Amino acid sequence: MTDLNYYDTFIAVADDCPAPGGVVPVARGGKKTVAVLQYEMLADAPHRLTQEDVLFETWLARQELPHPPSEEERAELRARFFSRSQACLRASPLPKTYGWGLLFDAEGRIALVPRDSAEYAALAAGRPGVKVLKAMRSKRA
């Protein structure tokens, strides 16, 4: 399996992101959206999960499985999930719509950084050793 994680990277919000700061996403129709799932994972555990962890756990949470998978089943599901190409977190609704930057440390673990914070401004301006990328736009330029 190819390593899909980012290292020492900051994903800044998309140029067309409507949120002026970090907005906490809410469930719609009684169901947790991708944004809600990813926000909960990252807000509750900064610098604990990698991009691969977040992508897989988000997908897994949205599956209607009859029972929680065993460790062996999880490993098989994860291998199958990553056997096909996946969109990276630059396409996540968090930096595209909700105003959250994503900071990846040297181990590829992610922390949320709200757009309206001093830390965000410093990271977006450039920090030595940290690559800055923009989230993907929602609309064509």
N, C-alpha and C. Protein backbone atom coordinates (compact mmCIF):
# COMPACT_ATOMS: atom_id res chain seq x y z
N MET A 1 0.85 -1.19 0.00
CA MET A 1 0.00 0.00 0.00
C MET A 1 0.89 1.24 0.00
N THR A 2 0.55 2.22 -0.80
CA THR A 2 1.27 3.47 -0.88
C THR A 2 0.91 4.35 0.32
N ASP A 3 1.90 5.06 0.84
CA ASP A 3 1.68 5.98 1.96
C ASP A 3 0.96 7.22 1.44
N LEU A 4 -0.24 7.48 1.94
CA LEU A 4 -1.03 8.62 1.50
C LEU A 4 -0.94 9.82 2.44
N ASN A 5 -0.16 9.71 3.49
CA ASN A 5 -0.12 10.75 4.50
C ASN A 5 0.74 11.94 4.08
N TYR A 6 0.42 13.09 4.65
CA TYR A 6 1.25 14.29 4.51
C TYR A 6 2.15 14.37 5.74
N TYR A 7 3.32 14.99 5.57
CA TYR A 7 4.26 15.17 6.68
C TYR A 7 4.74 16.61 6.68
N ASP A 8 4.81 17.22 7.86
CA ASP A 8 5.25 18.61 8.00
C ASP A 8 4.58 19.49 6.94
N THR A 9 3.27 19.42 6.91
CA THR A 9 2.48 20.13 5.90
C THR A 9 1.30 20.82 6.56
N PHE A 10 0.96 21.98 6.01
CA PHE A 10 -0.22 22.72 6.47
C PHE A 10 -1.15 22.87 5.27
N ILE A 11 -2.39 22.38 5.41
CA ILE A 11 -3.39 22.58 4.38
C ILE A 11 -4.24 23.77 4.80
N ALA A 12 -4.08 24.86 4.06
CA ALA A 12 -4.84 26.08 4.33
C ALA A 12 -6.23 25.96 3.72
N VAL A 13 -7.16 26.74 4.21
CA VAL A 13 -8.53 26.68 3.69
C VAL A 13 -8.55 27.06 2.21
N ALA A 14 -9.56 26.58 1.51
CA ALA A 14 -9.72 26.86 0.09
C ALA A 14 -9.96 28.36 -0.12
N ASP A 15 -9.55 28.83 -1.28
CA ASP A 15 -9.74 30.26 -1.60
C ASP A 15 -11.20 30.67 -1.57
N ASP A 16 -12.10 29.73 -1.88
CA ASP A 16 -13.53 30.08 -1.90
C ASP A 16 -14.29 29.58 -0.66
N CYS A 17 -13.56 29.29 0.42
CA CYS A 17 -14.19 28.86 1.67
C CYS A 17 -15.02 30.01 2.24
N PRO A 18 -16.31 29.79 2.53
CA PRO A 18 -17.17 30.87 3.01
C PRO A 18 -17.01 31.19 4.50
N ALA A 19 -16.41 30.30 5.27
CA ALA A 19 -16.33 30.50 6.72
C ALA A 19 -15.20 31.46 7.08
N PRO A 20 -15.49 32.48 7.91
CA PRO A 20 -14.45 33.42 8.32
C PRO A 20 -13.51 32.84 9.37
N GLY A 21 -13.95 31.79 10.03
CA GLY A 21 -13.14 31.14 11.07
C GLY A 21 -13.54 29.68 11.13
N GLY A 22 -13.00 28.96 12.09
CA GLY A 22 -13.35 27.55 12.25
C GLY A 22 -14.78 27.40 12.73
N VAL A 23 -15.63 26.79 11.92
CA VAL A 23 -17.03 26.57 12.23
C VAL A 23 -17.22 25.08 12.54
N VAL A 24 -17.87 24.78 13.65
CA VAL A 24 -18.14 23.39 14.01
C VAL A 24 -19.29 22.88 13.15
N PRO A 25 -19.05 21.82 12.34
CA PRO A 25 -20.13 21.30 11.50
C PRO A 25 -21.21 20.60 12.33
N VAL A 26 -22.42 20.60 11.81
CA VAL A 26 -23.53 19.96 12.51
C VAL A 26 -24.15 18.86 11.64
N ALA A 27 -24.77 17.89 12.29
CA ALA A 27 -25.42 16.79 11.58
C ALA A 27 -26.60 17.31 10.79
N ARG A 28 -26.92 16.60 9.72
CA ARG A 28 -28.09 16.96 8.91
C ARG A 28 -29.02 15.76 8.85
N GLY A 29 -30.29 16.02 9.03
CA GLY A 29 -31.27 14.94 8.96
C GLY A 29 -31.04 13.84 9.97
N GLY A 30 -30.45 14.19 11.11
CA GLY A 30 -30.21 13.21 12.15
C GLY A 30 -29.00 12.31 11.90
N LYS A 31 -28.27 12.55 10.80
CA LYS A 31 -27.10 11.73 10.48
C LYS A 31 -25.84 12.60 10.49
N LYS A 32 -24.76 12.01 10.98
CA LYS A 32 -23.48 12.72 10.97
C LYS A 32 -22.94 12.77 9.55
N THR A 33 -22.56 13.97 9.14
CA THR A 33 -21.97 14.15 7.81
C THR A 33 -20.49 13.80 7.87
N VAL A 34 -19.85 13.76 6.71
CA VAL A 34 -18.40 13.54 6.64
C VAL A 34 -17.70 14.62 7.46
N ALA A 35 -18.14 15.86 7.33
CA ALA A 35 -17.52 16.96 8.07
C ALA A 35 -17.64 16.76 9.58
N VAL A 36 -18.79 16.34 10.05
CA VAL A 36 -18.99 16.11 11.49
C VAL A 36 -18.09 14.98 11.97
N LEU A 37 -18.05 13.88 11.24
CA LEU A 37 -17.21 12.75 11.63
C LEU A 37 -15.74 13.14 11.69
N GLN A 38 -15.27 13.82 10.66
CA GLN A 38 -13.86 14.21 10.62
C GLN A 38 -13.56 15.24 11.72
N TYR A 39 -14.45 16.18 11.93
CA TYR A 39 -14.24 17.18 12.98
C TYR A 39 -14.13 16.50 14.34
N GLU A 40 -15.06 15.61 14.64
CA GLU A 40 -15.05 14.93 15.94
C GLU A 40 -13.76 14.14 16.15
N MET A 41 -13.31 13.46 15.11
CA MET A 41 -12.07 12.68 15.22
C MET A 41 -10.87 13.58 15.51
N LEU A 42 -10.78 14.68 14.79
CA LEU A 42 -9.60 15.54 14.89
C LEU A 42 -9.65 16.49 16.08
N ALA A 43 -10.82 17.00 16.41
CA ALA A 43 -10.93 17.93 17.54
C ALA A 43 -10.70 17.20 18.86
N ASP A 44 -11.15 15.96 18.94
CA ASP A 44 -11.02 15.19 20.17
C ASP A 44 -9.64 14.58 20.37
N ALA A 45 -8.83 14.53 19.30
CA ALA A 45 -7.53 13.88 19.40
C ALA A 45 -6.50 14.55 18.49
N PRO A 46 -6.11 15.79 18.81
CA PRO A 46 -5.12 16.46 17.94
C PRO A 46 -3.80 15.69 17.92
N HIS A 47 -3.24 15.61 16.73
CA HIS A 47 -1.96 14.93 16.48
C HIS A 47 -1.94 13.48 16.93
N ARG A 48 -3.09 12.80 16.79
CA ARG A 48 -3.15 11.36 17.09
C ARG A 48 -3.45 10.53 15.85
N LEU A 49 -4.17 11.11 14.88
CA LEU A 49 -4.59 10.36 13.69
C LEU A 49 -3.88 10.87 12.44
N THR A 50 -3.64 9.96 11.50
CA THR A 50 -3.07 10.34 10.22
C THR A 50 -4.19 10.52 9.20
N GLN A 51 -3.84 11.02 8.03
CA GLN A 51 -4.82 11.16 6.96
C GLN A 51 -5.46 9.81 6.63
N GLU A 52 -4.65 8.76 6.55
CA GLU A 52 -5.18 7.44 6.25
C GLU A 52 -6.18 7.00 7.33
N ASP A 53 -5.86 7.25 8.60
CA ASP A 53 -6.77 6.90 9.69
C ASP A 53 -8.10 7.63 9.53
N VAL A 54 -8.04 8.93 9.26
CA VAL A 54 -9.26 9.74 9.15
C VAL A 54 -10.10 9.30 7.96
N LEU A 55 -9.47 9.09 6.81
CA LEU A 55 -10.22 8.66 5.63
C LEU A 55 -10.90 7.32 5.86
N PHE A 56 -10.16 6.36 6.40
CA PHE A 56 -10.74 5.04 6.63
C PHE A 56 -11.84 5.08 7.70
N GLU A 57 -11.56 5.72 8.83
CA GLU A 57 -12.56 5.75 9.91
C GLU A 57 -13.82 6.49 9.49
N THR A 58 -13.68 7.52 8.67
CA THR A 58 -14.85 8.24 8.16
C THR A 58 -15.69 7.31 7.29
N TRP A 59 -15.02 6.61 6.38
CA TRP A 59 -15.72 5.67 5.51
C TRP A 59 -16.39 4.57 6.33
N LEU A 60 -15.66 4.02 7.29
CA LEU A 60 -16.18 2.92 8.10
C LEU A 60 -17.41 3.36 8.90
N ALA A 61 -17.37 4.56 9.45
CA ALA A 61 -18.49 5.05 10.26
C ALA A 61 -19.77 5.23 9.42
N ARG A 62 -19.61 5.44 8.14
CA ARG A 62 -20.77 5.65 7.27
C ARG A 62 -21.32 4.35 6.68
N GLN A 63 -20.66 3.24 6.94
CA GLN A 63 -21.13 1.95 6.45
C GLN A 63 -22.20 1.41 7.41
N GLU A 64 -23.14 0.72 6.88
CA GLU A 64 -24.18 0.14 7.72
C GLU A 64 -23.83 -1.33 7.96
N LEU A 65 -22.89 -1.54 8.84
CA LEU A 65 -22.43 -2.89 9.15
C LEU A 65 -23.35 -3.51 10.21
N PRO A 66 -23.60 -4.81 10.11
CA PRO A 66 -24.51 -5.45 11.07
C PRO A 66 -23.93 -5.52 12.49
N HIS A 67 -22.60 -5.45 12.61
CA HIS A 67 -21.95 -5.50 13.93
C HIS A 67 -20.59 -4.80 13.81
N PRO A 68 -20.06 -4.33 14.91
CA PRO A 68 -18.72 -3.73 14.85
C PRO A 68 -17.71 -4.77 14.36
N PRO A 69 -16.83 -4.39 13.43
CA PRO A 69 -15.88 -5.38 12.90
C PRO A 69 -14.80 -5.75 13.91
N SER A 70 -14.36 -6.99 13.84
CA SER A 70 -13.24 -7.45 14.66
C SER A 70 -11.97 -6.79 14.12
N GLU A 71 -10.87 -6.93 14.84
CA GLU A 71 -9.60 -6.36 14.38
C GLU A 71 -9.20 -6.95 13.03
N GLU A 72 -9.43 -8.24 12.87
CA GLU A 72 -9.10 -8.91 11.60
C GLU A 72 -9.97 -8.36 10.47
N GLU A 73 -11.27 -8.19 10.73
CA GLU A 73 -12.19 -7.64 9.73
C GLU A 73 -11.82 -6.20 9.40
N ARG A 74 -11.44 -5.43 10.42
CA ARG A 74 -11.03 -4.03 10.20
C ARG A 74 -9.81 -3.98 9.28
N ALA A 75 -8.84 -4.84 9.52
CA ALA A 75 -7.64 -4.87 8.70
C ALA A 75 -7.98 -5.20 7.25
N GLU A 76 -8.89 -6.17 7.07
CA GLU A 76 -9.31 -6.55 5.72
C GLU A 76 -10.08 -5.41 5.05
N LEU A 77 -10.99 -4.77 5.79
CA LEU A 77 -11.75 -3.64 5.24
C LEU A 77 -10.81 -2.49 4.88
N ARG A 78 -9.83 -2.23 5.73
CA ARG A 78 -8.88 -1.14 5.47
C ARG A 78 -8.06 -1.44 4.21
N ALA A 79 -7.60 -2.67 4.07
CA ALA A 79 -6.83 -3.05 2.89
C ALA A 79 -7.68 -2.89 1.62
N ARG A 80 -8.93 -3.30 1.68
CA ARG A 80 -9.83 -3.15 0.53
C ARG A 80 -10.10 -1.68 0.23
N PHE A 81 -10.31 -0.89 1.29
CA PHE A 81 -10.59 0.54 1.13
C PHE A 81 -9.43 1.23 0.40
N PHE A 82 -8.21 0.94 0.79
CA PHE A 82 -7.06 1.60 0.20
C PHE A 82 -6.55 0.91 -1.07
N SER A 83 -7.23 -0.15 -1.51
CA SER A 83 -6.83 -0.80 -2.76
C SER A 83 -7.26 0.03 -3.97
N ARG A 84 -8.14 0.99 -3.75
CA ARG A 84 -8.53 1.91 -4.83
C ARG A 84 -8.14 3.32 -4.40
N SER A 85 -8.04 4.21 -5.36
CA SER A 85 -7.57 5.56 -5.03
C SER A 85 -8.59 6.30 -4.17
N GLN A 86 -8.07 7.19 -3.33
CA GLN A 86 -8.90 7.96 -2.39
C GLN A 86 -8.58 9.44 -2.51
N ALA A 87 -9.58 10.27 -2.35
CA ALA A 87 -9.35 11.72 -2.31
C ALA A 87 -8.65 12.04 -0.99
N CYS A 88 -7.70 12.95 -1.04
CA CYS A 88 -6.97 13.32 0.18
C CYS A 88 -7.78 14.35 0.98
N LEU A 89 -7.27 14.74 2.12
CA LEU A 89 -7.98 15.69 2.97
C LEU A 89 -7.98 17.12 2.43
N ARG A 90 -7.27 17.37 1.33
CA ARG A 90 -7.40 18.67 0.66
C ARG A 90 -8.82 18.82 0.11
N ALA A 91 -9.52 17.70 -0.08
CA ALA A 91 -10.89 17.72 -0.57
C ALA A 91 -11.91 17.60 0.56
N SER A 92 -11.45 17.59 1.80
CA SER A 92 -12.34 17.48 2.95
C SER A 92 -13.20 18.74 3.08
N PRO A 93 -14.43 18.59 3.57
CA PRO A 93 -15.25 19.77 3.80
C PRO A 93 -14.70 20.68 4.91
N LEU A 94 -13.84 20.17 5.78
CA LEU A 94 -13.32 21.03 6.85
C LEU A 94 -12.54 22.22 6.31
N PRO A 95 -11.54 22.03 5.42
CA PRO A 95 -10.86 23.20 4.88
C PRO A 95 -11.57 23.82 3.68
N LYS A 96 -12.50 23.11 3.06
CA LYS A 96 -13.20 23.65 1.90
C LYS A 96 -14.37 24.55 2.29
N THR A 97 -15.06 24.20 3.37
CA THR A 97 -16.33 24.86 3.72
C THR A 97 -16.36 25.43 5.13
N TYR A 98 -15.72 24.75 6.08
CA TYR A 98 -15.89 25.09 7.49
C TYR A 98 -14.76 25.91 8.11
N GLY A 99 -13.75 26.29 7.35
CA GLY A 99 -12.72 27.21 7.85
C GLY A 99 -11.66 26.61 8.74
N TRP A 100 -11.37 25.33 8.58
CA TRP A 100 -10.34 24.68 9.41
C TRP A 100 -9.12 24.35 8.56
N GLY A 101 -7.95 24.82 9.00
CA GLY A 101 -6.70 24.39 8.41
C GLY A 101 -6.31 23.07 9.04
N LEU A 102 -5.51 22.29 8.32
CA LEU A 102 -5.07 20.98 8.80
C LEU A 102 -3.55 20.99 8.89
N LEU A 103 -3.03 20.81 10.09
CA LEU A 103 -1.59 20.80 10.32
C LEU A 103 -1.12 19.37 10.53
N PHE A 104 -0.23 18.90 9.66
CA PHE A 104 0.34 17.56 9.74
C PHE A 104 1.74 17.67 10.32
N ASP A 105 2.03 16.91 11.37
CA ASP A 105 3.35 16.96 11.99
C ASP A 105 4.32 16.02 11.27
N ALA A 106 5.51 15.86 11.84
CA ALA A 106 6.56 15.03 11.22
C ALA A 106 6.17 13.56 11.12
N GLU A 107 5.23 13.11 11.96
CA GLU A 107 4.75 11.72 11.89
C GLU A 107 3.47 11.58 11.06
N GLY A 108 3.02 12.69 10.46
CA GLY A 108 1.81 12.65 9.64
C GLY A 108 0.52 12.77 10.41
N ARG A 109 0.60 13.10 11.69
CA ARG A 109 -0.59 13.22 12.54
C ARG A 109 -1.16 14.63 12.40
N ILE A 110 -2.49 14.72 12.46
CA ILE A 110 -3.21 15.94 12.11
C ILE A 110 -3.77 16.67 13.32
N ALA A 111 -3.73 18.00 13.25
CA ALA A 111 -4.42 18.87 14.22
C ALA A 111 -5.21 19.91 13.42
N LEU A 112 -6.34 20.30 13.97
CA LEU A 112 -7.15 21.35 13.36
C LEU A 112 -6.63 22.72 13.80
N VAL A 113 -6.66 23.68 12.87
CA VAL A 113 -6.25 25.05 13.18
C VAL A 113 -7.33 25.97 12.61
N PRO A 114 -8.06 26.71 13.46
CA PRO A 114 -9.12 27.58 12.95
C PRO A 114 -8.56 28.75 12.14
N ARG A 115 -9.24 29.06 11.06
CA ARG A 115 -8.81 30.11 10.14
C ARG A 115 -8.62 31.47 10.82
N ASP A 116 -9.39 31.75 11.83
CA ASP A 116 -9.34 33.05 12.49
C ASP A 116 -8.36 33.11 13.66
N SER A 117 -7.39 32.19 13.71
CA SER A 117 -6.44 32.17 14.82
C SER A 117 -5.07 32.71 14.39
N ALA A 118 -4.30 33.13 15.39
CA ALA A 118 -2.94 33.62 15.14
C ALA A 118 -2.06 32.49 14.61
N GLU A 119 -2.27 31.27 15.11
CA GLU A 119 -1.49 30.12 14.64
C GLU A 119 -1.73 29.89 13.15
N TYR A 120 -2.99 30.00 12.72
CA TYR A 120 -3.31 29.83 11.31
C TYR A 120 -2.58 30.86 10.46
N ALA A 121 -2.65 32.13 10.88
CA ALA A 121 -2.00 33.21 10.13
C ALA A 121 -0.50 32.94 10.00
N ALA A 122 0.13 32.50 11.08
CA ALA A 122 1.57 32.23 11.05
C ALA A 122 1.88 31.05 10.13
N LEU A 123 1.08 29.99 10.18
CA LEU A 123 1.30 28.82 9.32
C LEU A 123 1.06 29.16 7.86
N ALA A 124 0.00 29.90 7.57
CA ALA A 124 -0.32 30.26 6.18
C ALA A 124 0.74 31.18 5.58
N ALA A 125 1.37 32.00 6.41
CA ALA A 125 2.43 32.89 5.94
C ALA A 125 3.71 32.12 5.64
N GLY A 126 3.81 30.93 6.20
CA GLY A 126 4.98 30.09 5.96
C GLY A 126 5.83 29.94 7.20
N ARG A 127 6.08 28.72 7.56
CA ARG A 127 6.92 28.40 8.70
C ARG A 127 8.04 27.50 8.17
N PRO A 128 9.29 27.78 8.55
CA PRO A 128 10.38 26.93 8.05
C PRO A 128 10.12 25.45 8.33
N GLY A 129 10.32 24.64 7.30
CA GLY A 129 10.14 23.20 7.45
C GLY A 129 8.72 22.71 7.30
N VAL A 130 7.76 23.62 7.06
CA VAL A 130 6.37 23.22 6.89
C VAL A 130 5.89 23.66 5.51
N LYS A 131 5.51 22.70 4.69
CA LYS A 131 4.99 22.97 3.35
C LYS A 131 3.55 23.44 3.46
N VAL A 132 3.18 24.46 2.71
CA VAL A 132 1.82 24.98 2.74
C VAL A 132 1.12 24.63 1.42
N LEU A 133 -0.04 23.99 1.54
CA LEU A 133 -0.88 23.65 0.39
C LEU A 133 -2.26 24.25 0.65
N LYS A 134 -2.99 24.51 -0.42
CA LYS A 134 -4.36 25.01 -0.29
C LYS A 134 -5.32 23.83 -0.45
N ALA A 135 -6.43 23.90 0.26
CA ALA A 135 -7.51 22.93 0.05
C ALA A 135 -8.08 23.17 -1.33
N MET A 136 -8.73 22.17 -1.85
CA MET A 136 -9.32 22.29 -3.18
C MET A 136 -10.54 23.20 -3.14
N ARG A 137 -10.66 23.99 -4.18
CA ARG A 137 -11.81 24.89 -4.29
C ARG A 137 -13.09 24.09 -4.48
N SER A 138 -14.21 24.67 -4.06
CA SER A 138 -15.51 24.04 -4.27
C SER A 138 -16.05 24.36 -5.66
N LYS A 139 -15.68 25.52 -6.17
CA LYS A 139 -16.16 25.97 -7.48
C LYS A 139 -14.96 26.24 -8.37
N ARG A 140 -15.18 26.17 -9.67
CA ARG A 140 -14.12 26.52 -10.61
C ARG A 140 -13.78 27.99 -10.52
N ALA A 141 -12.54 28.30 -10.74
CA ALA A 141 -12.09 29.71 -10.67
C ALA A 141 -12.61 30.50 -11.85
